[in-house]
Structure formats: structure tokens, C-alpha cells
N, C-alpha and C. Protein backbone atom coordinates (compact mmCIF):
# COMPACT_ATOMS: atom_id res chain seq x y z
N UNK A 1 0.81 -1.21 0.00
CA UNK A 1 0.00 0.00 0.00
C UNK A 1 0.85 1.26 0.00
N UNK A 2 1.91 1.30 0.77
CA UNK A 2 2.68 2.54 0.92
C UNK A 2 3.44 2.94 -0.33
N UNK A 3 3.62 2.02 -1.26
CA UNK A 3 4.30 2.41 -2.49
C UNK A 3 3.52 3.49 -3.22
N UNK A 4 2.24 3.61 -2.94
CA UNK A 4 1.40 4.60 -3.62
C UNK A 4 1.55 5.99 -3.04
N UNK A 5 2.21 6.12 -1.91
CA UNK A 5 2.44 7.44 -1.34
C UNK A 5 3.61 8.07 -2.08
N UNK A 6 3.38 9.18 -2.70
CA UNK A 6 4.39 9.86 -3.50
C UNK A 6 4.95 11.06 -2.75
N UNK A 7 6.18 11.39 -3.08
CA UNK A 7 6.77 12.61 -2.53
C UNK A 7 5.95 13.80 -2.99
N UNK A 8 5.65 14.71 -2.09
CA UNK A 8 4.83 15.87 -2.42
C UNK A 8 5.58 17.18 -2.29
N UNK A 9 6.73 17.16 -1.66
CA UNK A 9 7.48 18.39 -1.39
C UNK A 9 8.36 18.78 -2.57
N UNK A 10 8.44 20.06 -2.81
CA UNK A 10 9.35 20.68 -3.76
C UNK A 10 9.04 20.33 -5.22
N UNK A 11 7.76 20.43 -5.57
CA UNK A 11 7.35 20.27 -6.96
C UNK A 11 6.74 21.57 -7.44
N UNK A 12 6.85 21.77 -8.73
CA UNK A 12 6.22 22.91 -9.36
C UNK A 12 5.31 22.38 -10.45
N UNK A 13 4.03 22.58 -10.37
CA UNK A 13 3.28 23.28 -9.34
C UNK A 13 3.22 22.46 -8.05
N UNK A 14 2.91 23.13 -6.94
CA UNK A 14 2.86 22.44 -5.65
C UNK A 14 1.80 21.34 -5.62
N UNK A 15 1.90 20.47 -4.65
CA UNK A 15 0.94 19.38 -4.49
C UNK A 15 -0.47 19.93 -4.36
N UNK A 16 -1.41 19.22 -4.97
CA UNK A 16 -2.81 19.62 -4.91
C UNK A 16 -3.46 19.03 -3.66
N UNK A 17 -4.63 19.52 -3.35
CA UNK A 17 -5.39 18.99 -2.21
C UNK A 17 -5.70 17.52 -2.44
N UNK A 18 -5.98 17.13 -3.68
CA UNK A 18 -6.27 15.73 -3.98
C UNK A 18 -5.05 14.84 -3.75
N UNK A 19 -3.87 15.32 -4.09
CA UNK A 19 -2.64 14.54 -3.87
C UNK A 19 -2.37 14.38 -2.38
N UNK A 20 -2.59 15.43 -1.62
CA UNK A 20 -2.39 15.36 -0.17
C UNK A 20 -3.39 14.39 0.43
N UNK A 21 -4.65 14.46 0.00
CA UNK A 21 -5.67 13.55 0.52
C UNK A 21 -5.34 12.10 0.17
N UNK A 22 -4.90 11.86 -1.05
CA UNK A 22 -4.56 10.49 -1.47
C UNK A 22 -3.41 9.93 -0.63
N UNK A 23 -2.42 10.74 -0.35
CA UNK A 23 -1.31 10.29 0.48
C UNK A 23 -1.78 10.00 1.90
N UNK A 24 -2.64 10.86 2.43
CA UNK A 24 -3.18 10.64 3.78
C UNK A 24 -4.01 9.37 3.83
N UNK A 25 -4.81 9.15 2.80
CA UNK A 25 -5.64 7.94 2.73
C UNK A 25 -4.77 6.69 2.71
N UNK A 26 -3.71 6.69 1.92
CA UNK A 26 -2.82 5.53 1.86
C UNK A 26 -2.14 5.29 3.21
N UNK A 27 -1.74 6.36 3.86
CA UNK A 27 -1.10 6.23 5.17
C UNK A 27 -2.06 5.60 6.18
N UNK A 28 -3.27 6.12 6.24
CA UNK A 28 -4.25 5.61 7.20
C UNK A 28 -4.62 4.16 6.87
N UNK A 29 -4.74 3.84 5.60
CA UNK A 29 -5.02 2.46 5.21
C UNK A 29 -3.91 1.53 5.71
N UNK A 30 -2.66 1.95 5.55
CA UNK A 30 -1.54 1.12 5.98
C UNK A 30 -1.55 0.93 7.49
N UNK A 31 -1.72 2.02 8.21
CA UNK A 31 -1.72 1.94 9.67
C UNK A 31 -2.89 1.10 10.18
N UNK A 32 -4.06 1.27 9.55
CA UNK A 32 -5.26 0.54 9.99
C UNK A 32 -5.24 -0.91 9.52
N UNK A 33 -4.46 -1.19 8.47
CA UNK A 33 -4.40 -2.56 7.97
C UNK A 33 -5.59 -2.94 7.12
N UNK A 34 -6.30 -1.94 6.59
CA UNK A 34 -7.47 -2.22 5.76
C UNK A 34 -7.66 -1.12 4.72
N UNK A 35 -8.19 -1.51 3.58
CA UNK A 35 -8.47 -0.49 2.57
C UNK A 35 -9.87 0.09 2.72
N UNK A 36 -10.76 -0.70 3.31
CA UNK A 36 -12.12 -0.21 3.56
C UNK A 36 -12.50 -0.55 5.00
N UNK A 37 -12.71 0.46 5.82
CA UNK A 37 -13.06 0.18 7.21
C UNK A 37 -14.50 -0.33 7.31
N UNK A 38 -14.79 -1.01 8.38
CA UNK A 38 -16.17 -1.43 8.63
C UNK A 38 -17.02 -0.20 8.89
N UNK A 39 -18.31 -0.36 8.79
CA UNK A 39 -19.23 0.76 9.03
C UNK A 39 -19.00 1.33 10.43
N UNK A 40 -18.69 0.47 11.35
CA UNK A 40 -18.47 0.91 12.73
C UNK A 40 -17.21 1.78 12.87
N UNK A 41 -16.20 1.54 12.02
CA UNK A 41 -14.95 2.28 12.10
C UNK A 41 -14.83 3.39 11.06
N UNK A 42 -15.81 3.54 10.20
CA UNK A 42 -15.72 4.49 9.08
C UNK A 42 -15.50 5.93 9.55
N UNK A 43 -16.19 6.34 10.59
CA UNK A 43 -16.07 7.72 11.06
C UNK A 43 -14.65 8.00 11.58
N UNK A 44 -14.12 7.08 12.38
CA UNK A 44 -12.76 7.26 12.90
C UNK A 44 -11.74 7.24 11.76
N UNK A 45 -11.96 6.37 10.78
CA UNK A 45 -11.08 6.26 9.63
C UNK A 45 -11.05 7.57 8.85
N UNK A 46 -12.22 8.11 8.53
CA UNK A 46 -12.31 9.36 7.77
C UNK A 46 -11.74 10.54 8.55
N UNK A 47 -11.97 10.55 9.86
CA UNK A 47 -11.42 11.62 10.69
C UNK A 47 -9.89 11.56 10.68
N UNK A 48 -9.35 10.35 10.74
CA UNK A 48 -7.89 10.19 10.70
C UNK A 48 -7.34 10.66 9.36
N UNK A 49 -8.01 10.34 8.28
CA UNK A 49 -7.56 10.80 6.96
C UNK A 49 -7.54 12.32 6.92
N UNK A 50 -8.59 12.95 7.41
CA UNK A 50 -8.66 14.42 7.41
C UNK A 50 -7.55 15.03 8.27
N UNK A 51 -7.28 14.44 9.43
CA UNK A 51 -6.25 14.97 10.31
C UNK A 51 -4.85 14.79 9.72
N UNK A 52 -4.59 13.64 9.10
CA UNK A 52 -3.29 13.42 8.47
C UNK A 52 -3.11 14.37 7.29
N UNK A 53 -4.15 14.57 6.51
CA UNK A 53 -4.08 15.51 5.38
C UNK A 53 -3.82 16.93 5.88
N UNK A 54 -4.47 17.31 6.96
CA UNK A 54 -4.28 18.63 7.55
C UNK A 54 -2.81 18.81 8.00
N UNK A 55 -2.30 17.82 8.71
CA UNK A 55 -0.91 17.89 9.17
C UNK A 55 0.06 17.91 7.97
N UNK A 56 -0.26 17.17 6.93
CA UNK A 56 0.59 17.14 5.74
C UNK A 56 0.63 18.50 5.06
N UNK A 57 -0.53 19.14 4.94
CA UNK A 57 -0.56 20.48 4.34
C UNK A 57 0.31 21.45 5.13
N UNK A 58 0.22 21.39 6.46
CA UNK A 58 1.05 22.27 7.30
C UNK A 58 2.53 21.96 7.12
N UNK A 59 2.87 20.68 7.09
CA UNK A 59 4.27 20.29 6.90
C UNK A 59 4.80 20.82 5.57
N UNK A 60 4.06 20.61 4.49
CA UNK A 60 4.50 21.07 3.18
C UNK A 60 4.65 22.59 3.13
N UNK A 61 3.78 23.30 3.84
CA UNK A 61 3.85 24.76 3.85
C UNK A 61 5.08 25.27 4.59
N UNK A 62 5.57 24.49 5.56
CA UNK A 62 6.68 24.95 6.40
C UNK A 62 8.05 24.43 5.97
N UNK A 63 8.09 23.42 5.13
CA UNK A 63 9.38 22.89 4.70
C UNK A 63 10.12 23.90 3.84
N UNK A 64 11.43 23.98 4.04
CA UNK A 64 12.28 24.92 3.30
C UNK A 64 13.37 24.12 2.60
N UNK A 65 13.68 24.50 1.37
CA UNK A 65 14.75 23.85 0.63
C UNK A 65 15.44 24.86 -0.28
N UNK A 66 16.69 24.58 -0.56
CA UNK A 66 17.42 25.43 -1.51
C UNK A 66 17.47 24.77 -2.88
N UNK A 67 17.00 23.54 -2.97
CA UNK A 67 17.00 22.82 -4.25
C UNK A 67 15.94 23.41 -5.17
N UNK A 68 16.20 23.42 -6.47
CA UNK A 68 15.18 23.91 -7.40
C UNK A 68 13.98 22.96 -7.42
N UNK A 69 12.79 23.48 -7.67
CA UNK A 69 11.60 22.61 -7.71
C UNK A 69 11.73 21.55 -8.80
N UNK A 70 11.17 20.39 -8.52
CA UNK A 70 11.19 19.28 -9.48
C UNK A 70 10.01 19.42 -10.44
N UNK A 71 10.21 18.89 -11.63
CA UNK A 71 9.16 18.87 -12.64
C UNK A 71 8.45 17.52 -12.57
N UNK A 72 7.15 17.54 -12.44
CA UNK A 72 6.38 16.30 -12.29
C UNK A 72 6.56 15.36 -13.48
N UNK A 73 6.53 15.90 -14.68
CA UNK A 73 6.66 15.05 -15.87
C UNK A 73 8.03 14.40 -15.95
N UNK A 74 9.08 15.13 -15.62
CA UNK A 74 10.43 14.57 -15.64
C UNK A 74 10.54 13.46 -14.60
N UNK A 75 10.02 13.70 -13.40
CA UNK A 75 10.09 12.68 -12.34
C UNK A 75 9.26 11.45 -12.71
N UNK A 76 8.10 11.64 -13.34
CA UNK A 76 7.26 10.52 -13.76
C UNK A 76 7.97 9.70 -14.83
N UNK A 77 8.65 10.38 -15.74
CA UNK A 77 9.40 9.69 -16.79
C UNK A 77 10.52 8.86 -16.19
N UNK A 78 11.23 9.41 -15.23
CA UNK A 78 12.30 8.67 -14.56
C UNK A 78 11.75 7.44 -13.84
N UNK A 79 10.60 7.59 -13.21
CA UNK A 79 9.99 6.46 -12.51
C UNK A 79 9.59 5.36 -13.48
N UNK A 80 9.05 5.75 -14.64
CA UNK A 80 8.70 4.75 -15.65
C UNK A 80 9.94 4.02 -16.16
N UNK A 81 11.03 4.76 -16.35
CA UNK A 81 12.28 4.14 -16.80
C UNK A 81 12.80 3.14 -15.76
N UNK A 82 12.75 3.54 -14.48
CA UNK A 82 13.20 2.62 -13.41
C UNK A 82 12.34 1.37 -13.39
N UNK A 83 11.03 1.54 -13.54
CA UNK A 83 10.12 0.41 -13.52
C UNK A 83 10.37 -0.51 -14.72
N UNK A 84 10.64 0.07 -15.88
CA UNK A 84 10.90 -0.75 -17.07
C UNK A 84 12.18 -1.56 -16.88
N UNK A 85 13.19 -0.96 -16.28
CA UNK A 85 14.44 -1.69 -16.01
C UNK A 85 14.20 -2.79 -14.97
N UNK A 86 13.42 -2.48 -13.97
CA UNK A 86 13.20 -3.42 -12.87
C UNK A 86 12.29 -4.57 -13.29
N UNK A 87 11.21 -4.27 -13.98
CA UNK A 87 10.19 -5.28 -14.28
C UNK A 87 10.15 -5.71 -15.73
N UNK A 88 10.98 -5.13 -16.57
CA UNK A 88 10.97 -5.45 -17.99
C UNK A 88 10.03 -4.52 -18.75
N UNK A 89 10.27 -4.39 -20.00
CA UNK A 89 9.53 -3.42 -20.82
C UNK A 89 8.12 -3.88 -21.15
N UNK A 90 7.76 -5.10 -20.96
CA UNK A 90 6.43 -5.41 -21.38
C UNK A 90 5.86 -6.63 -20.82
């Protein structure tokens, strides 16, 4: 599950609310050990996702770097190349 959490810091354009929410959802899923909580746990699960997303937004807003922002397309291309080398081209 955690492989789906992507780096969100130092990209241009900055991470979107959807990207932050997706990362928070993956984190909570991993910690909870489930992709879909029971009806009884749904409220706590959703609250945890919202709180992790909130903390993530604050973290991203406060992080400082001197490195130039990364380009999403370039990073995605590099990831595809690594995957092709690791798992084969087809």
C-alpha cells in the first residue's frame, strides 16, 4: 500500500489537495491494515484521513529547501524508466 504514497514536497506546481488527501488515505489504510473500514470504524477512519491531510498540508507549507523545484513530468518519466528496467519493458 505505501508504495502509492508519492513525494509531495518541492514540486512545481505544488501538491494539490487531492494529492495530499490520497497520500493521507494511503497512510491511514496502511496503519489501519485495511483499505475499507467497517461501518463501525468508518467515522474514525475518515477523521484520521482528514487529520493526516491537515498535518501534511502544514508540513509542506513549512518545509524549506534550496534545491530547485522538481518537474512532475520529468520525475514521472524517470519512474517509468526505473520500472521498465526493474520489471521489464512489457
